[in-house]
Protein backbone atom coordinates (compact mmCIF):
# COMPACT_ATOMS: atom_id res chain seq x y z
CA MET A 1 -63.55 34.45 34.59
CA SER A 2 -60.03 36.14 33.59
CA GLU A 3 -58.17 36.11 37.21
CA LEU A 4 -56.29 33.98 39.25
CA LYS A 5 -57.21 34.62 42.84
CA PHE A 6 -55.58 33.43 45.46
CA SER A 7 -55.85 33.26 49.26
CA LEU A 8 -52.75 32.30 52.19
CA HIS A 9 -53.45 32.01 55.45
CA ALA A 10 -51.01 31.15 58.20
CA PRO A 11 -51.71 31.03 61.87
CA THR A 12 -51.47 33.77 64.46
CA HIS A 13 -48.66 31.94 66.60
CA LEU A 14 -46.18 32.50 63.39
CA SER A 15 -43.34 35.58 63.88
CA THR A 16 -42.43 37.66 61.50
CA GLU A 17 -39.42 36.13 61.05
CA GLN A 18 -41.05 32.70 60.15
CA ILE A 19 -42.93 34.27 57.58
CA LEU A 20 -40.19 35.85 56.16
CA GLU A 21 -38.94 32.52 55.70
CA ILE A 22 -41.85 31.94 53.66
CA ALA A 23 -41.73 34.52 51.71
CA GLN A 24 -37.79 34.46 50.87
CA TYR A 25 -38.84 30.95 49.63
CA ALA A 26 -41.46 32.06 47.68
CA HIS A 27 -38.95 34.95 46.39
CA ARG A 28 -36.43 32.33 45.31
CA MET A 29 -38.99 30.03 43.46
CA ALA A 30 -40.44 32.80 41.96
CA GLN A 31 -36.74 33.64 40.33
CA VAL A 32 -36.33 29.81 39.84
CA LEU A 33 -39.23 29.97 37.58
CA SER A 34 -37.91 32.84 35.59
CA PHE A 35 -40.82 35.36 36.69
CA GLN A 36 -40.14 38.84 34.50
CA ARG A 37 -39.71 40.54 37.10
CA VAL A 38 -39.18 40.09 41.08
CA GLU A 39 -39.42 42.88 43.93
CA PRO A 40 -37.04 42.55 46.68
CA VAL A 41 -38.73 41.35 49.90
CA ILE A 42 -40.05 43.63 52.15
CA ALA A 43 -40.13 43.02 56.26
CA LEU A 44 -41.69 45.88 57.76
CA GLU A 45 -43.73 45.76 61.20
CA GLY A 46 -44.93 48.19 63.99
CA GLU A 47 -42.68 51.76 63.97
CA ALA A 48 -41.72 50.95 60.75
CA VAL A 49 -44.67 50.67 59.22
CA GLU A 50 -45.69 54.44 60.19
CA GLN A 51 -41.87 55.59 58.85
CA VAL A 52 -42.92 54.24 55.70
CA LEU A 53 -46.25 55.90 55.93
CA SER A 54 -44.59 59.25 57.23
CA ARG A 55 -42.51 59.26 53.83
CA GLU A 56 -45.55 61.31 51.97
CA PRO A 57 -47.22 62.77 54.82
CA ASP A 58 -49.40 64.83 51.74
CA VAL A 59 -50.81 61.87 50.43
CA GLU A 60 -54.83 61.36 51.58
CA PHE A 61 -55.95 58.00 52.06
CA ASP A 62 -59.20 58.21 49.61
CA PRO A 63 -60.96 54.50 50.01
CA ASP A 64 -62.59 55.14 46.54
CA ARG A 65 -59.32 55.53 44.65
CA ILE A 66 -56.58 53.62 46.83
CA LEU A 67 -59.03 50.17 46.48
CA VAL A 68 -58.48 50.87 42.51
CA HIS A 69 -56.08 47.76 41.83
CA SER A 70 -54.68 49.66 38.77
CA LEU A 71 -52.99 52.36 40.74
CA PHE A 72 -50.98 50.01 42.01
CA ASP A 73 -50.69 47.34 39.09
CA GLU A 74 -47.65 49.24 37.72
CA VAL A 75 -44.31 49.43 39.32
CA PRO A 76 -41.80 51.78 37.75
CA GLU A 77 -37.94 51.10 37.03
CA GLY A 78 -37.47 54.69 38.86
CA GLY A 79 -38.95 57.12 41.17
CA TYR A 80 -40.85 55.14 43.14
CA ASP A 81 -41.67 54.41 46.60
CA TYR A 82 -42.03 50.52 46.59
CA GLU A 83 -42.45 50.12 50.45
CA PHE A 84 -45.08 52.95 50.60
CA ARG A 85 -47.19 51.92 47.66
CA ALA A 86 -47.15 48.04 48.84
CA VAL A 87 -48.40 48.92 52.30
CA CYS A 88 -51.21 51.48 50.97
CA SER A 89 -52.50 48.41 48.88
CA GLN A 90 -52.66 46.82 52.31
CA THR A 91 -54.57 49.47 53.95
CA LYS A 92 -58.36 48.92 54.93
CA PHE A 93 -60.78 51.53 55.40
CA ALA A 94 -64.02 50.99 58.23
CA VAL A 95 -66.74 53.80 57.84
CA PHE A 96 -68.41 54.76 60.88
CA GLU A 97 -71.93 56.53 60.86
CA GLN A 98 -72.02 59.63 63.66
CA ARG A 99 -74.67 59.42 66.01
CA ASN A 100 -76.01 62.77 64.74
CA ASN A 101 -77.25 61.93 61.00
CA GLU A 102 -76.06 65.46 59.94
CA ASP A 103 -72.49 64.85 60.86
CA GLU A 104 -69.89 62.73 58.11
CA PRO A 105 -68.92 59.61 58.21
CA GLU A 106 -65.77 58.62 60.37
CA ILE A 107 -63.59 56.92 58.23
CA TRP A 108 -60.74 54.79 59.82
CA HIS A 109 -57.72 54.13 57.85
CA ILE A 110 -56.21 50.68 58.77
CA PRO A 111 -52.92 50.15 57.25
CA PRO A 112 -51.13 46.53 58.74
CA GLN A 113 -49.51 45.86 61.77
CA ARG A 114 -46.81 44.45 59.54
CA ILE A 115 -46.15 43.42 56.07
CA VAL A 116 -43.81 40.57 54.52
CA GLY A 117 -43.60 39.77 51.28
CA PHE A 118 -42.79 41.22 47.46
CA TYR A 119 -44.37 41.82 44.36
CA ALA A 120 -43.37 39.71 40.79
CA ARG A 121 -44.77 39.93 37.38
CA SER A 122 -44.79 36.59 35.24
CA GLY A 123 -44.32 37.97 32.45
CA ARG A 124 -46.49 40.36 29.39
CA GLY A 125 -49.63 40.78 29.72
CA CYS A 126 -50.19 39.48 33.40
CA SER A 127 -50.57 41.88 36.58
CA LEU A 128 -48.57 41.93 39.39
CA LEU A 129 -48.70 39.40 41.63
CA ARG A 130 -48.67 40.56 45.07
CA LEU A 131 -47.67 38.06 47.69
CA THR A 132 -47.34 40.13 50.56
CA PHE A 133 -48.50 38.39 54.03
CA VAL A 134 -49.95 41.05 56.22
CA GLN A 135 -51.32 41.35 59.86
CA TYR A 136 -53.92 43.71 61.31
CA PRO A 137 -54.78 45.13 64.63
CA ALA A 138 -57.78 42.96 65.79
CA GLU A 139 -59.18 45.44 67.91
CA VAL A 140 -60.27 47.77 64.93
CA VAL A 141 -60.11 45.54 61.96
CA TYR A 142 -63.04 43.54 62.91
CA ALA A 143 -64.92 46.74 61.20
CA ALA A 144 -63.25 46.94 58.07
CA ASP A 145 -62.66 42.93 57.48
CA SER A 146 -63.73 40.28 60.45
CA SER A 147 -62.19 37.49 58.21
CA LEU A 148 -58.85 39.10 58.95
CA MET A 149 -59.11 39.05 62.56
CA PHE A 150 -56.52 36.43 63.10
CA GLY A 151 -53.26 34.97 61.56
CA TRP A 152 -51.53 36.30 58.55
CA TRP A 153 -53.18 36.63 55.47
CA ALA A 154 -51.67 37.32 51.56
CA LYS A 155 -54.95 37.82 49.36
CA ASP A 156 -55.32 38.92 46.02
CA HIS A 157 -55.82 38.11 42.57
CA VAL A 158 -53.62 38.25 39.26
CA TYR A 159 -54.99 39.02 35.87
CA LEU A 160 -54.11 36.73 33.24
CA ALA A 161 -56.63 37.93 30.15
CA GLU A 162 -53.60 40.11 28.21
CA ALA A 163 -51.09 37.44 28.24
CA TYR A 164 -52.97 35.55 26.04
CA ARG A 165 -52.95 37.96 23.14
CA TYR A 166 -49.40 36.91 23.14
CA GLY A 167 -50.28 33.18 21.96
CA GLU A 168 -51.25 30.14 23.91
CA GLU A 169 -46.98 29.45 24.85
CA HIS A 170 -46.87 32.51 26.36
CA PHE A 171 -49.90 32.12 28.22
CA VAL A 172 -49.40 28.61 29.76
CA GLN A 173 -46.04 29.81 30.35
CA CYS A 174 -47.13 32.71 32.39
CA HIS A 175 -49.84 30.75 33.83
CA LEU A 176 -47.82 27.76 35.03
CA ARG A 177 -45.43 29.90 36.72
CA HIS A 178 -48.10 31.38 38.80
CA ILE A 179 -49.64 27.62 39.60
CA LEU A 180 -45.99 26.00 39.97
CA LEU A 181 -45.31 29.09 42.80
CA PHE A 182 -48.25 28.44 44.67
CA ARG A 183 -47.80 24.64 44.67
CA ALA A 184 -44.39 24.95 45.73
CA ILE A 185 -45.15 26.84 48.67
CA LYS A 186 -48.09 24.79 49.78
CA GLN A 187 -45.55 21.88 49.72
CA ARG A 188 -42.66 23.53 51.74
CA PHE A 189 -44.95 24.91 54.19
CA PRO A 190 -48.09 22.84 55.45
CA VAL A 191 -48.75 24.98 57.93
CA LEU A 192 -49.95 27.33 55.48
CA LYS A 193 -53.83 27.13 54.17
CA VAL A 194 -53.89 27.82 50.25
CA ASP A 195 -56.95 28.26 48.22
CA ILE A 196 -56.73 28.97 44.56
CA SER A 197 -59.59 30.35 42.43
CA ASP A 198 -58.12 28.93 38.60
CA PRO A 199 -60.38 29.61 36.20
CA THR A 200 -58.22 27.33 33.80
CA GLY A 201 -59.18 24.57 36.34
CA TYR A 202 -55.20 23.78 36.18
CA TRP A 203 -54.72 24.10 39.80
CA LYS A 204 -56.96 20.88 40.66
CA SER A 205 -56.98 18.88 37.56
CA GLY A 206 -53.19 19.30 36.84
CA SER A 207 -54.30 18.72 32.79
CA LEU A 208 -52.64 20.89 30.26
CA GLN A 209 -55.15 20.02 27.71
CA ARG A 210 -58.02 20.98 29.81
CA MET A 211 -56.10 24.32 30.62
CA LEU A 212 -55.94 25.05 27.22
CA ARG A 213 -59.26 24.16 26.27
CA LYS A 214 -60.52 26.71 28.85
CA ALA A 215 -58.36 29.23 27.99
CA ARG A 216 -59.35 29.34 24.05
CA SER A 217 -62.91 29.23 25.58
CA LEU A 218 -61.90 32.29 27.79
CA PHE A 219 -59.99 34.38 25.88
CA GLY A 220 -59.26 32.69 22.08
CA SER A 221 -62.27 33.96 20.60
CA SER A 222 -61.87 36.46 17.80
CA PRO A 223 -64.35 39.14 19.30
CA ARG A 224 -62.26 38.68 22.78
CA GLN A 225 -59.22 38.85 21.06
CA SER A 226 -60.17 42.25 19.11
CA PHE A 227 -61.37 43.66 22.26
CA LEU A 228 -58.05 43.11 23.93
CA GLN A 229 -56.09 44.67 21.01
CA ARG A 230 -58.41 47.79 21.25
CA PHE A 231 -58.27 47.96 25.02
CA THR A 232 -54.22 48.05 24.91
CA LYS A 233 -54.29 50.43 22.10
CA SER A 234 -56.88 52.66 24.16
CA VAL A 235 -54.53 52.95 27.29
CA GLY A 236 -51.27 53.89 25.56
CA GLY A 237 -49.62 50.70 25.31
CA SER A 238 -45.74 50.41 23.83
CA GLY A 239 -45.51 49.64 20.15
CA ASP A 240 -44.36 46.14 21.32
CA GLU A 241 -47.29 45.89 23.20
CA GLU A 242 -49.64 46.67 19.77
CA LYS A 243 -47.93 44.13 17.80
CA PRO A 244 -50.75 41.70 16.02
CA LEU A 245 -52.51 39.25 18.03
CA ILE A 246 -50.51 35.82 17.67
CA LYS A 247 -52.80 32.73 17.66
CA ALA A 248 -50.79 29.60 17.94
CA SER A 249 -51.26 26.16 18.82
CA MET A 250 -48.56 24.53 21.00
CA GLU A 251 -47.01 21.21 19.66
CA ARG A 252 -46.54 18.24 22.42
CA GLU A 253 -42.82 18.94 22.42
CA VAL A 254 -43.15 22.29 23.34
CA LEU A 255 -45.37 21.51 26.23
CA ARG A 256 -42.81 18.67 27.18
CA GLU A 257 -40.06 21.31 27.17
CA LEU A 258 -41.88 24.03 29.09
CA LEU A 259 -42.62 21.62 31.48
CA SER A 260 -38.69 20.44 31.88
CA ARG A 261 -37.32 24.21 32.32
CA ASN A 262 -39.87 24.81 35.07
């Protein structure tokens, strides 16, 4: 209940250049909406994807580890191969049983044929928005996820629970950035099919009052906030992250100002 799930689907006939246009527009909008951090747009296909994966040839793809989202949630400032991690995070796995029951199952690692998009972070307490459109080779991806056989896909989720610990105003601002970004993309590119699963209900209702009520029910209780505080300390949060939890209610004037800026 604390994650914003999204799925953007584009038809197969769109070229890499057309998807790049969508990604670049979304990138500009993320900057306009004052996302805390916006990584560069990447556009890789074919041999370029293979070249990126060859940068770290000693890395073994382990489906039990690669699919752990926390491995890719942090984007350090330096010493980090952004393209490599973006491709790895979109790698799918298909497991095929051998005819001889004594043999180990065969695992296929299926990186995307094409990947276009970027990473961004809305604000403190939010996990990464990984807005990367991918295409997979249809002849092999069926075994991994048949729903991805046709078209371009950008599917992921953003965790929002810890954003609330910095106060309601901060949570609303972070959440609005995501929603307004997806709305802008949907309006600018009608060819896209956009599905959003929003635990606050704001995507469908557009009601700030309803969003705040839902946010309070999701995150605002004392036990929930205590858990968030303990969790942040347990994972070694910085001094800034360990500030006392903030409980605040926004005035209507603050909400109007926030909306006028965004």
